[in-house]
Protein backbone atom coordinates (compact mmCIF):
# COMPACT_ATOMS: atom_id res chain seq x y z
CA UNK A 1 104.80 87.01 64.64
CA UNK A 2 108.53 87.44 65.05
CA UNK A 3 110.83 85.03 66.89
CA UNK A 4 112.64 87.83 68.74
CA UNK A 5 111.45 90.97 70.53
CA UNK A 6 113.31 93.56 72.47
CA UNK A 7 110.76 93.15 75.28
CA UNK A 8 108.14 90.53 76.09
CA UNK A 9 105.52 91.48 78.68
CA UNK A 10 103.73 88.67 80.52
CA UNK A 11 100.22 89.86 81.34
CA UNK A 12 98.00 92.37 79.55
CA UNK A 13 96.58 94.17 82.57
CA UNK A 14 96.80 97.94 82.82
CA UNK A 15 100.43 98.00 83.99
CA UNK A 16 101.56 95.76 81.15
CA UNK A 17 99.82 98.03 78.66
CA UNK A 18 101.41 101.14 80.17
CA UNK A 19 104.85 99.57 79.90
CA UNK A 20 104.20 98.36 76.36
CA UNK A 21 103.19 101.81 75.18
CA UNK A 22 106.20 103.58 76.64
CA UNK A 23 108.57 100.95 75.24
CA UNK A 24 106.99 100.83 71.78
CA UNK A 25 106.92 104.63 71.59
CA UNK A 26 110.67 104.52 72.17
CA UNK A 27 111.18 102.20 69.21
CA UNK A 28 111.57 98.86 71.01
CA UNK A 29 109.79 95.87 69.55
CA UNK A 30 107.31 94.84 72.23
CA UNK A 31 105.07 91.80 72.63
CA UNK A 32 102.32 91.51 75.26
CA UNK A 33 100.98 88.05 76.12
CA UNK A 34 97.62 87.84 77.91
CA UNK A 35 96.04 84.55 78.95
CA UNK A 36 92.46 85.82 78.91
CA UNK A 37 90.47 86.53 75.76
CA UNK A 38 90.82 90.28 76.36
CA UNK A 39 93.33 92.68 77.81
CA UNK A 40 92.68 94.70 80.95
CA UNK A 41 93.19 92.19 83.76
CA UNK A 42 91.09 93.21 86.76
CA UNK A 43 90.49 96.71 85.39
CA UNK A 44 87.59 95.85 83.11
CA UNK A 45 83.96 96.74 82.52
CA UNK A 46 81.62 93.82 81.94
CA UNK A 47 77.95 93.03 81.47
CA UNK A 48 77.52 91.08 84.67
CA UNK A 49 73.80 90.30 84.62
CA UNK A 50 72.19 88.34 81.75
CA UNK A 51 70.07 90.44 79.44
CA UNK A 52 70.78 93.69 81.31
CA UNK A 53 72.61 96.41 79.41
CA UNK A 54 74.77 97.65 82.28
CA UNK A 55 78.57 97.52 82.16
CA UNK A 56 79.93 97.42 85.67
CA UNK A 57 83.50 98.00 86.80
CA UNK A 58 83.57 94.46 88.09
CA UNK A 59 86.73 94.18 90.18
CA UNK A 60 88.35 97.62 90.46
CA UNK A 61 86.27 100.72 90.85
CA UNK A 62 87.91 104.14 91.11
CA UNK A 63 91.11 105.85 89.97
CA UNK A 64 93.41 107.99 92.10
CA UNK A 65 97.02 106.86 91.78
CA UNK A 66 97.17 106.99 87.96
CA UNK A 67 99.39 110.06 87.39
CA UNK A 68 98.08 112.69 85.03
CA UNK A 69 101.55 112.61 83.44
CA UNK A 70 101.06 109.01 82.28
CA UNK A 71 97.69 109.93 80.76
CA UNK A 72 99.36 112.81 78.89
CA UNK A 73 102.52 110.91 77.91
CA UNK A 74 100.53 108.09 76.34
CA UNK A 75 97.91 110.33 74.72
CA UNK A 76 95.05 108.47 76.38
CA UNK A 77 91.50 109.28 75.36
CA UNK A 78 90.19 109.11 78.89
CA UNK A 79 87.99 111.16 81.20
CA UNK A 80 88.27 110.80 84.96
CA UNK A 81 85.31 112.58 86.53
CA UNK A 82 85.21 114.03 90.05
CA UNK A 83 82.42 112.94 92.37
CA UNK A 84 80.25 115.66 93.85
CA UNK A 85 80.52 114.10 97.30
CA UNK A 86 83.62 112.63 98.92
CA UNK A 87 81.77 110.47 101.43
CA UNK A 88 78.59 109.92 103.39
CA UNK A 89 78.40 107.94 106.61
CA UNK A 90 75.02 107.04 108.15
CA UNK A 91 75.09 107.01 111.94
CA UNK A 92 72.72 106.74 114.87
CA UNK A 93 72.92 109.10 117.83
CA UNK A 94 70.48 109.09 120.76
CA UNK A 95 67.90 107.21 118.74
CA UNK A 96 68.21 109.55 115.76
CA UNK A 97 69.37 108.59 112.26
CA UNK A 98 71.92 111.07 110.96
CA UNK A 99 74.45 111.22 108.16
CA UNK A 100 77.97 112.63 108.08
CA UNK A 101 78.30 114.32 104.69
CA UNK A 102 81.74 115.32 103.36
CA UNK A 103 81.46 117.46 100.26
CA UNK A 104 83.99 117.82 97.47
CA UNK A 105 85.23 120.46 97.82
CA UNK A 106 84.39 120.80 101.49
CA UNK A 107 82.23 123.75 102.46
CA UNK A 108 79.80 125.01 105.04
CA UNK A 109 77.55 121.97 104.68
CA UNK A 110 80.42 119.67 105.68
CA UNK A 111 81.13 121.66 108.84
CA UNK A 112 77.41 121.70 109.67
CA UNK A 113 77.24 117.94 109.18
CA UNK A 114 80.14 117.38 111.60
CA UNK A 115 78.50 119.68 114.16
CA UNK A 116 75.15 117.89 113.85
CA UNK A 117 76.84 114.53 114.42
CA UNK A 118 79.26 115.45 117.21
CA UNK A 119 77.62 118.46 118.84
CA UNK A 120 80.51 120.85 118.24
CA UNK A 121 83.02 122.03 115.64
CA UNK A 122 85.99 120.39 117.41
CA UNK A 123 86.07 117.26 115.27
CA UNK A 124 85.79 119.20 112.04
CA UNK A 125 88.64 121.46 113.05
CA UNK A 126 90.71 118.35 113.82
CA UNK A 127 89.67 116.89 110.46
CA UNK A 128 90.79 119.91 108.46
CA UNK A 129 94.07 120.15 110.37
CA UNK A 130 94.83 116.47 109.85
CA UNK A 131 94.02 116.32 106.15
CA UNK A 132 95.83 119.58 105.54
CA UNK A 133 98.94 117.96 107.00
CA UNK A 134 98.37 114.76 105.00
CA UNK A 135 98.07 116.90 101.87
CA UNK A 136 101.55 118.32 102.46
CA UNK A 137 102.93 114.77 102.65
CA UNK A 138 101.07 113.81 99.46
CA UNK A 139 102.50 116.82 97.62
CA UNK A 140 106.01 115.74 98.61
CA UNK A 141 105.62 112.04 97.77
CA UNK A 142 103.47 112.06 94.60
CA UNK A 143 106.07 113.56 92.21
CA UNK A 144 108.63 110.93 93.26
CA UNK A 145 106.43 108.01 92.19
CA UNK A 146 107.56 108.41 88.57
CA UNK A 147 111.23 108.86 89.49
CA UNK A 148 113.98 106.51 90.66
CA UNK A 149 113.57 105.58 94.30
CA UNK A 150 114.59 108.20 96.80
CA UNK A 151 115.79 107.56 100.31
CA UNK A 152 113.45 107.81 103.28
CA UNK A 153 115.78 110.44 104.72
CA UNK A 154 115.44 112.66 101.64
CA UNK A 155 111.66 112.51 101.76
CA UNK A 156 111.51 112.96 105.50
CA UNK A 157 113.48 116.20 105.16
CA UNK A 158 110.66 117.62 102.98
CA UNK A 159 107.80 117.18 105.45
CA UNK A 160 106.97 118.07 109.02
CA UNK A 161 108.95 115.84 111.39
CA UNK A 162 105.99 115.23 113.73
CA UNK A 163 103.74 114.26 110.81
CA UNK A 164 106.37 111.82 109.52
CA UNK A 165 106.52 110.16 112.92
CA UNK A 166 102.71 109.99 113.12
CA UNK A 167 102.13 108.44 109.70
CA UNK A 168 105.35 106.60 108.90
CA UNK A 169 106.94 105.50 112.16
CA UNK A 170 104.08 104.82 114.59
CA UNK A 171 100.93 102.68 114.14
CA UNK A 172 98.16 104.71 112.54
CA UNK A 173 95.73 103.83 115.32
CA UNK A 174 97.74 105.96 117.74
CA UNK A 175 97.40 108.99 115.47
CA UNK A 176 93.69 108.51 114.86
CA UNK A 177 92.97 108.10 118.56
CA UNK A 178 95.04 111.13 119.53
CA UNK A 179 93.65 113.48 116.88
CA UNK A 180 89.97 112.49 116.97
CA UNK A 181 87.47 111.56 119.68
CA UNK A 182 84.28 110.61 117.80
CA UNK A 183 83.99 106.92 116.94
CA UNK A 184 82.38 107.53 113.54
CA UNK A 185 84.87 110.22 112.52
CA UNK A 186 87.74 108.01 113.62
CA UNK A 187 86.35 105.21 111.48
CA UNK A 188 85.99 107.33 108.36
CA UNK A 189 89.66 108.31 108.69
CA UNK A 190 90.88 104.81 109.47
CA UNK A 191 89.02 103.05 106.67
CA UNK A 192 91.65 104.03 104.10
CA UNK A 193 94.15 101.96 106.08
CA UNK A 194 92.32 98.65 105.68
CA UNK A 195 90.84 98.64 102.18
CA UNK A 196 92.29 95.48 100.66
CA UNK A 197 94.64 95.04 103.62
CA UNK A 198 94.00 92.69 106.54
CA UNK A 199 95.54 94.43 109.51
CA UNK A 200 94.69 96.02 112.81
CA UNK A 201 95.16 99.74 113.24
CA UNK A 202 97.81 99.15 115.91
CA UNK A 203 99.72 96.54 113.89
CA UNK A 204 103.45 97.01 114.53
CA UNK A 205 104.25 96.01 110.93
CA UNK A 206 102.70 99.34 109.86
CA UNK A 207 101.12 97.71 106.82
CA UNK A 208 97.98 99.68 107.66
CA UNK A 209 100.01 102.91 107.49
CA UNK A 210 101.31 102.00 104.05
CA UNK A 211 97.79 101.25 102.81
CA UNK A 212 96.59 104.57 104.23
CA UNK A 213 99.40 106.47 102.51
CA UNK A 214 98.65 105.00 99.08
CA UNK A 215 95.00 105.95 99.43
CA UNK A 216 95.86 109.60 100.10
CA UNK A 217 98.73 110.52 97.76
CA UNK A 218 97.32 110.14 94.24
CA UNK A 219 98.41 113.08 92.05
CA UNK A 220 99.23 114.97 95.22
CA UNK A 221 95.55 115.34 96.13
CA UNK A 222 94.37 111.83 97.00
CA UNK A 223 91.13 112.35 95.07
CA UNK A 224 89.44 109.19 93.80
CA UNK A 225 87.71 109.74 90.46
CA UNK A 226 85.26 107.81 88.31
CA UNK A 227 86.47 106.70 84.87
CA UNK A 228 83.80 107.65 82.35
CA UNK A 229 82.73 104.49 80.55
CA UNK A 230 83.78 102.34 83.49
CA UNK A 231 87.15 100.91 84.41
CA UNK A 232 87.26 99.14 81.07
CA UNK A 233 87.53 102.55 79.41
CA UNK A 234 90.91 102.96 81.11
CA UNK A 235 92.36 99.72 79.81
CA UNK A 236 90.68 100.03 76.41
CA UNK A 237 92.40 103.41 76.02
CA UNK A 238 95.71 101.86 77.10
CA UNK A 239 95.34 98.96 74.65
CA UNK A 240 94.59 101.38 71.83
CA UNK A 241 97.64 103.47 72.75
CA UNK A 242 99.86 100.40 72.84
CA UNK A 243 98.72 99.30 69.40
CA UNK A 244 99.19 102.82 67.99
CA UNK A 245 102.72 102.81 69.31
CA UNK A 246 103.42 99.53 67.50
CA UNK A 247 103.22 96.97 70.33
CA UNK A 248 101.86 93.50 69.51
CA UNK A 249 99.06 92.32 71.83
CA UNK A 250 98.25 88.61 71.85
CA UNK A 251 95.33 87.27 73.88
CA UNK A 252 94.44 83.67 74.76
CA UNK A 253 98.15 83.16 75.35
CA UNK A 254 98.77 81.19 78.54
CA UNK A 255 102.42 81.63 79.49
CA UNK A 256 103.95 78.45 80.89
CA UNK A 257 107.58 79.37 81.46
CA UNK A 258 109.93 82.33 81.70
CA UNK A 259 113.71 82.08 81.49
CA UNK A 260 116.20 84.93 81.88
CA UNK A 261 119.93 84.95 82.60
CA UNK A 262 120.71 88.65 82.64
CA UNK A 263 121.67 88.75 78.96
CA UNK A 264 118.89 87.00 77.06
CA UNK A 265 115.45 85.65 77.87
CA UNK A 266 112.73 83.39 76.51
CA UNK A 267 109.01 83.03 77.14
CA UNK A 268 106.90 79.98 76.26
CA UNK A 269 103.12 79.96 76.01
CA UNK A 270 100.17 77.96 74.70
CA UNK A 271 97.79 79.62 72.30
CA UNK A 272 95.50 78.82 69.41
CA UNK A 273 98.48 77.57 67.39
CA UNK A 274 99.81 75.32 70.14
CA UNK A 275 103.02 75.90 72.04
CA UNK A 276 105.33 78.74 71.06
CA UNK A 277 108.56 80.19 72.40
CA UNK A 278 109.90 83.66 71.71
CA UNK A 279 113.29 85.13 72.58
CA UNK A 280 113.85 88.63 73.92
CA UNK A 281 116.36 90.93 75.56
CA UNK A 282 114.01 91.74 78.47
CA UNK A 283 110.97 90.19 80.11
CA UNK A 284 108.54 92.30 82.13
CA UNK A 285 106.25 90.34 84.45
CA UNK A 286 102.83 91.88 84.92
CA UNK A 287 101.89 89.03 87.24
CA UNK A 288 102.22 88.56 90.98
CA UNK A 289 105.74 87.71 92.23
CA UNK A 290 104.55 84.28 93.39
CA UNK A 291 103.18 83.60 89.90
CA UNK A 292 106.49 84.63 88.37
CA UNK A 293 108.33 82.23 90.68
CA UNK A 294 106.17 79.38 89.36
CA UNK A 295 106.80 80.41 85.74
CA UNK A 296 110.53 80.35 86.43
CA UNK A 297 110.31 76.85 87.90
CA UNK A 298 111.17 78.10 91.36
CA UNK A 299 109.47 77.22 94.64
CA UNK A 300 106.75 79.78 95.06
CA UNK A 301 106.85 81.85 98.21
CA UNK A 302 103.93 82.07 100.59
CA UNK A 303 100.76 82.92 98.70
CA UNK A 304 99.44 86.37 99.59
CA UNK A 305 96.04 86.51 101.26
CA UNK A 306 93.45 88.85 99.85
CA UNK A 307 90.93 90.40 102.22
CA UNK A 308 87.70 91.64 100.74
CA UNK A 309 84.24 90.73 99.56
CA UNK A 310 83.16 92.47 96.37
CA UNK A 311 79.45 92.72 95.63
CA UNK A 312 77.99 94.11 92.40
CA UNK A 313 74.33 95.14 92.23
CA UNK A 314 71.98 96.79 89.80
CA UNK A 315 69.11 98.73 91.37
CA UNK A 316 65.84 99.74 89.75
CA UNK A 317 65.94 102.82 92.00
CA UNK A 318 68.04 104.23 94.81
CA UNK A 319 66.60 103.29 98.22
CA UNK A 320 65.32 105.88 100.69
CA UNK A 321 67.42 106.50 103.81
CA UNK A 322 66.23 106.51 107.41
CA UNK A 323 68.13 109.78 107.89
CA UNK A 324 65.89 111.43 105.31
CA UNK A 325 68.92 112.60 103.34
CA UNK A 326 68.67 112.62 99.56
CA UNK A 327 69.97 109.20 98.37
CA UNK A 328 71.17 110.72 95.09
CA UNK A 329 73.54 112.84 97.15
CA UNK A 330 74.37 110.31 99.87
CA UNK A 331 75.35 107.62 97.36
CA UNK A 332 77.25 110.03 95.09
CA UNK A 333 80.49 109.53 97.02
CA UNK A 334 81.83 106.70 99.17
CA UNK A 335 78.95 105.47 101.35
CA UNK A 336 80.41 104.04 104.58
CA UNK A 337 78.48 101.22 106.24
CA UNK A 338 79.29 100.16 109.83
CA UNK A 339 82.79 101.60 109.59
CA UNK A 340 82.99 103.23 112.99
CA UNK A 341 86.45 102.86 114.49
CA UNK A 342 85.23 100.34 117.07
CA UNK A 343 83.39 98.38 114.38
CA UNK A 344 86.53 98.13 112.25
CA UNK A 345 88.42 96.73 115.23
CA UNK A 346 85.63 94.28 116.18
CA UNK A 347 85.43 92.97 112.62
CA UNK A 348 89.21 92.58 112.44
CA UNK A 349 89.34 90.63 115.71
CA UNK A 350 86.50 88.36 114.60
CA UNK A 351 88.17 87.59 111.27
CA UNK A 352 91.53 87.11 112.99
CA UNK A 353 89.84 84.46 115.11
CA UNK A 354 88.46 82.72 112.03
CA UNK A 355 84.90 84.02 112.11
CA UNK A 356 82.90 86.06 109.63
CA UNK A 357 82.37 89.50 111.18
CA UNK A 358 78.89 89.70 112.68
CA UNK A 359 78.63 93.37 111.66
CA UNK A 360 80.97 93.64 108.68
CA UNK A 361 82.24 97.08 107.67
CA UNK A 362 81.81 97.94 104.02
CA UNK A 363 81.69 100.84 101.64
CA UNK A 364 79.45 101.43 98.68
CA UNK A 365 80.01 103.26 95.38
CA UNK A 366 77.28 104.31 92.96
CA UNK A 367 79.24 105.06 89.79
CA UNK A 368 76.16 105.65 87.67
CA UNK A 369 75.38 108.86 89.59
CA UNK A 370 78.66 110.31 88.28
CA UNK A 371 78.77 108.44 84.97
CA UNK A 372 75.40 107.26 83.63
CA UNK A 373 77.05 106.16 80.37
CA UNK A 374 77.68 102.70 81.88
CA UNK A 375 73.92 102.12 81.64
CA UNK A 376 71.76 101.94 78.54
CA UNK A 377 69.55 104.94 77.84
CA UNK A 378 66.46 102.99 78.81
CA UNK A 379 67.95 102.01 82.17
CA UNK A 380 68.96 105.60 82.85
CA UNK A 381 65.51 106.86 81.91
CA UNK A 382 63.84 104.38 84.26
CA UNK A 383 66.01 105.37 87.22
CA UNK A 384 68.32 102.36 87.43
CA UNK A 385 71.69 102.62 89.18
CA UNK A 386 74.69 100.42 89.85
CA UNK A 387 76.08 99.76 93.30
CA UNK A 388 79.45 98.20 94.01
CA UNK A 389 80.16 97.17 97.58
CA UNK A 390 83.59 96.53 99.10
CA UNK A 391 83.36 94.41 102.25
CA UNK A 392 86.27 94.96 104.65
CA UNK A 393 88.04 92.33 106.78
CA UNK A 394 87.08 89.27 104.76
CA UNK A 395 90.43 87.44 104.49
CA UNK A 396 90.58 84.40 102.24
CA UNK A 397 90.92 82.09 105.24
CA UNK A 398 87.25 82.68 106.07
CA UNK A 399 86.22 81.09 102.76
CA UNK A 400 88.68 78.18 102.72
CA UNK A 401 86.36 75.48 104.08
CA UNK A 402 83.28 76.15 101.94
CA UNK A 403 83.63 79.11 99.61
CA UNK A 404 80.05 78.99 98.34
CA UNK A 405 78.40 78.82 101.76
CA UNK A 406 80.71 81.43 103.28
CA UNK A 407 80.16 83.74 100.29
CA UNK A 408 76.40 83.51 100.67
CA UNK A 409 76.50 84.25 104.39
CA UNK A 410 79.04 87.06 104.05
CA UNK A 411 76.92 88.66 101.34
CA UNK A 412 73.82 88.39 103.50
CA UNK A 413 75.58 90.10 106.41
CA UNK A 414 77.03 92.91 104.31
CA UNK A 415 73.71 93.70 102.65
CA UNK A 416 71.94 93.48 106.01
CA UNK A 417 74.33 96.16 107.26
CA UNK A 418 73.33 98.43 104.38
CA UNK A 419 69.68 97.57 104.93
CA UNK A 420 69.85 98.76 108.54
CA UNK A 421 70.22 102.36 107.32
CA UNK A 422 67.47 102.17 104.68
CA UNK A 423 63.86 103.26 105.05
CA UNK A 424 62.61 100.57 102.67
CA UNK A 425 63.60 96.98 101.82
CA UNK A 426 66.75 96.85 99.70
CA UNK A 427 65.44 93.79 97.87
CA UNK A 428 62.50 95.84 96.56
CA UNK A 429 65.02 98.14 94.88
CA UNK A 430 67.21 95.47 93.28
CA UNK A 431 66.57 94.91 89.57
CA UNK A 432 66.12 91.48 88.06
CA UNK A 433 67.95 89.99 85.11
CA UNK A 434 66.47 88.37 81.99
CA UNK A 435 65.97 85.13 83.94
CA UNK A 436 64.12 86.83 86.78
CA UNK A 437 67.02 86.61 89.23
CA UNK A 438 68.06 89.46 91.49
CA UNK A 439 70.99 91.40 90.02
CA UNK A 440 73.48 90.59 92.76
CA UNK A 441 76.96 89.17 92.24
CA UNK A 442 79.53 88.47 94.96
CA UNK A 443 83.25 87.72 94.68
CA UNK A 444 85.42 86.32 97.47
CA UNK A 445 89.23 86.29 97.32
CA UNK A 446 89.05 82.76 95.91
CA UNK A 447 86.61 83.87 93.20
CA UNK A 448 88.92 86.74 92.26
CA UNK A 449 91.89 84.40 92.05
CA UNK A 450 89.97 82.07 89.76
CA UNK A 451 88.62 84.88 87.58
CA UNK A 452 91.68 87.07 87.03
CA UNK A 453 94.61 85.06 88.37
CA UNK A 454 95.49 87.15 91.43
CA UNK A 455 97.08 84.69 93.90
CA UNK A 456 95.04 84.52 97.06
CA UNK A 457 92.72 87.12 95.56
CA UNK A 458 95.09 89.81 96.84
CA UNK A 459 94.26 92.98 94.92
CA UNK A 460 97.76 94.40 95.51
CA UNK A 461 99.58 91.10 94.70
CA UNK A 462 100.98 91.22 98.24
CA UNK A 463 101.66 93.66 101.04
CA UNK A 464 102.12 97.26 99.93
CA UNK A 465 105.62 98.67 100.41
CA UNK A 466 106.73 102.18 101.28
CA UNK A 467 107.05 104.22 98.06
CA UNK A 468 110.71 105.00 98.69
CA UNK A 469 113.90 103.03 99.25
CA UNK A 470 114.09 101.38 102.66
CA UNK A 471 117.58 100.11 101.88
CA UNK A 472 120.33 102.46 100.74
CA UNK A 473 121.27 99.94 98.04
CA UNK A 474 117.90 100.57 96.35
CA UNK A 475 118.26 104.35 96.09
CA UNK A 476 118.29 105.28 92.41
CA UNK A 477 116.67 102.02 91.32
CA UNK A 478 113.10 101.80 90.03
CA UNK A 479 111.62 99.28 92.44
CA UNK A 480 110.87 96.79 89.68
CA UNK A 481 114.08 94.76 89.79
CA UNK A 482 114.42 91.02 90.43
CA UNK A 483 117.53 88.92 91.01
CA UNK A 484 118.13 88.89 87.22
CA UNK A 485 118.99 92.14 85.45
CA UNK A 486 116.76 91.63 82.42
CA UNK A 487 113.71 90.32 84.28
CA UNK A 488 111.54 93.02 85.86
CA UNK A 489 108.28 93.15 87.84
CA UNK A 490 105.94 95.64 86.17
CA UNK A 491 102.67 94.92 87.98
CA UNK A 492 101.13 95.62 91.36
CA UNK A 493 103.83 93.56 93.04
CA UNK A 494 106.47 96.17 92.20
CA UNK A 495 107.45 98.71 94.85
CA UNK A 496 105.00 101.56 94.32
CA UNK A 497 102.59 99.09 92.72
CA UNK A 498 99.02 98.45 93.81
CA UNK A 499 95.66 99.77 92.58
CA UNK A 500 95.02 101.05 89.05
CA UNK A 501 98.01 103.37 88.84
CA UNK A 502 100.24 102.39 85.94
CA UNK A 503 103.22 103.07 88.23
CA UNK A 504 104.62 99.56 87.97
CA UNK A 505 104.37 99.64 84.18
CA UNK A 506 105.90 103.11 83.87
CA UNK A 507 108.77 102.38 86.23
CA UNK A 508 109.66 99.05 84.65
CA UNK A 509 109.67 100.68 81.23
CA UNK A 510 111.92 103.48 82.49
CA UNK A 511 114.27 100.88 83.97
CA UNK A 512 114.60 99.24 80.55
CA UNK A 513 114.99 102.53 78.68
CA UNK A 514 117.77 103.77 80.97
CA UNK A 515 119.78 100.61 80.24
CA UNK A 516 118.88 99.67 76.68
CA UNK A 517 121.52 100.75 74.14
C-alpha cells in the first residue's frame, strides 16, 4: 500500500464506491477504507436466519434515486426490476374487508379499486391529477441531481407556480387535505412524507415535504424497483467496478482521525497491521457529518434521531387475506398497513408524547415475488417468501430506556397490525430456522447504529435538504463541501444525499474532478 493517494475515501458504503469508481476511472489514485469486514454499508444482502438459504436486503430495500446515468457511466452489471403492483392497501368499510390496488402501470383495475373503496371516481380523478402534476416536478428536478446546485428560483420557473407553492412552500398536509377526501387515499399519498422522517404532516419546518419530494423524483418517474440479487447486488457491482477502475479497497480498517487543511490531508486507521496513516490531496467522508466531526477531533453536533422499526421475516407461504384478494398480487408492491391519514397522525402524536403507537403504521415489501433469486431453489419450490416491514413513527427516543423490551413490544404491535388484515394466523406462515426459532428479526434505530454505524440510526444521516441551493452562495457548488476545501461529504449527509442513490458519491467526485489539476 502506498503512503500517498490523490483521494482517500472514509467508508465503503455505496456512495463511497460510486465516488471511488469515478475518481479511479479519471486516473486519480484512490483508497477506500471500510471498518466492517465487507463493503456495502447498509446496502447489503445477508443470510439473516441460521441454516436458511435466504439472502435478505437487511437494512435498505428498494432503489429509485440511483440515476440510470450512474449505472451506465460505471458499467454496472445490475438489473433493477419493476414490480407488477405499485401498492396495495387493505381497508375496512361498513364491515367489509376491501383492498385498494394500484397497478403499475395504472389501468382500469386501479380505477375500479378506487371506486369500490370510495363509492365514486372522484378520488381516482384527484389521484391522477395530483400525480400527473408531481411527475412534471420530478421531470424538472431529476436531471439537476447530477449537476452543480441550481437556485430555487431557476427550478421554480420550470414548474407550475401553484404546484410549487403546494409542495415546496406550504406543509404537505394542507395539500393532501385539499386534494383528497378519503382517509385511506390521503394516507397512501402522505406515507411517502414520513418514511424515515419523524414529522407531522403540518410541520412548519417542511421536512415532511422534503422527504415526500425525494420519494417521488427518482429518474424523473419516482418508481421504486427491486435490485435482482438483493441490495447487496448493487454494492457488489459497485465494488467490482471500483476495483476494475484501479481503486484500492481496504476492509477491517477503523478510521480514527481525519485531518485536512485545504492543501493536504491525512487519515489514520487501525487494521490488521496495527495503526497506519496515509497522506492525500483530498478526503471524501462517506460517514455521517456528526461522525466526521468526531474524526476531526471537533465537538460533535446534535446526534440525528432515526425513526423506524425494521422487521425481516421469512415465510413458508404467503398468508391469505380477509379481503379475499390474491396475496401474490397484494404483496407484490408496497403493502400499506394502518397507514390511513388519521392513523399516521395518531401514531405521530403518540410517539411525540413518548409512547409507542398503539396502532403503528407500517409498510411491507415482498421482494421474492419480484426476484426469487434471493432464495434457494428449494425454498422457491416450496413456496417460501421474504417479507421486510418498515414501521413508521418509531423515533429512537422510544427505545432509549430499554431497547430490548421496547423492540419486542414494538414488533408485536406492528405484526399485530398486519395480522388484523389476514384470514389466518401469521405465525403459522412464518418459517423456522435451523434451531427451530421463528424467522423474525427486528432492528430499532439503536440496533442500526450499532450494526452499521449510522448515528442515531438515522437512515439519511440527518434531515433531508432541498435538492437545490437555498443560499445564493451555494449556486454552482456540488452540495458536498465542508469548511475545508479538500474535505468533502460524499454520503447521505450531503445535500441531495439520502437513500441508495449514489448522488453523494457522484457529486463529491465531480467536485474533486472540477478542481484537480
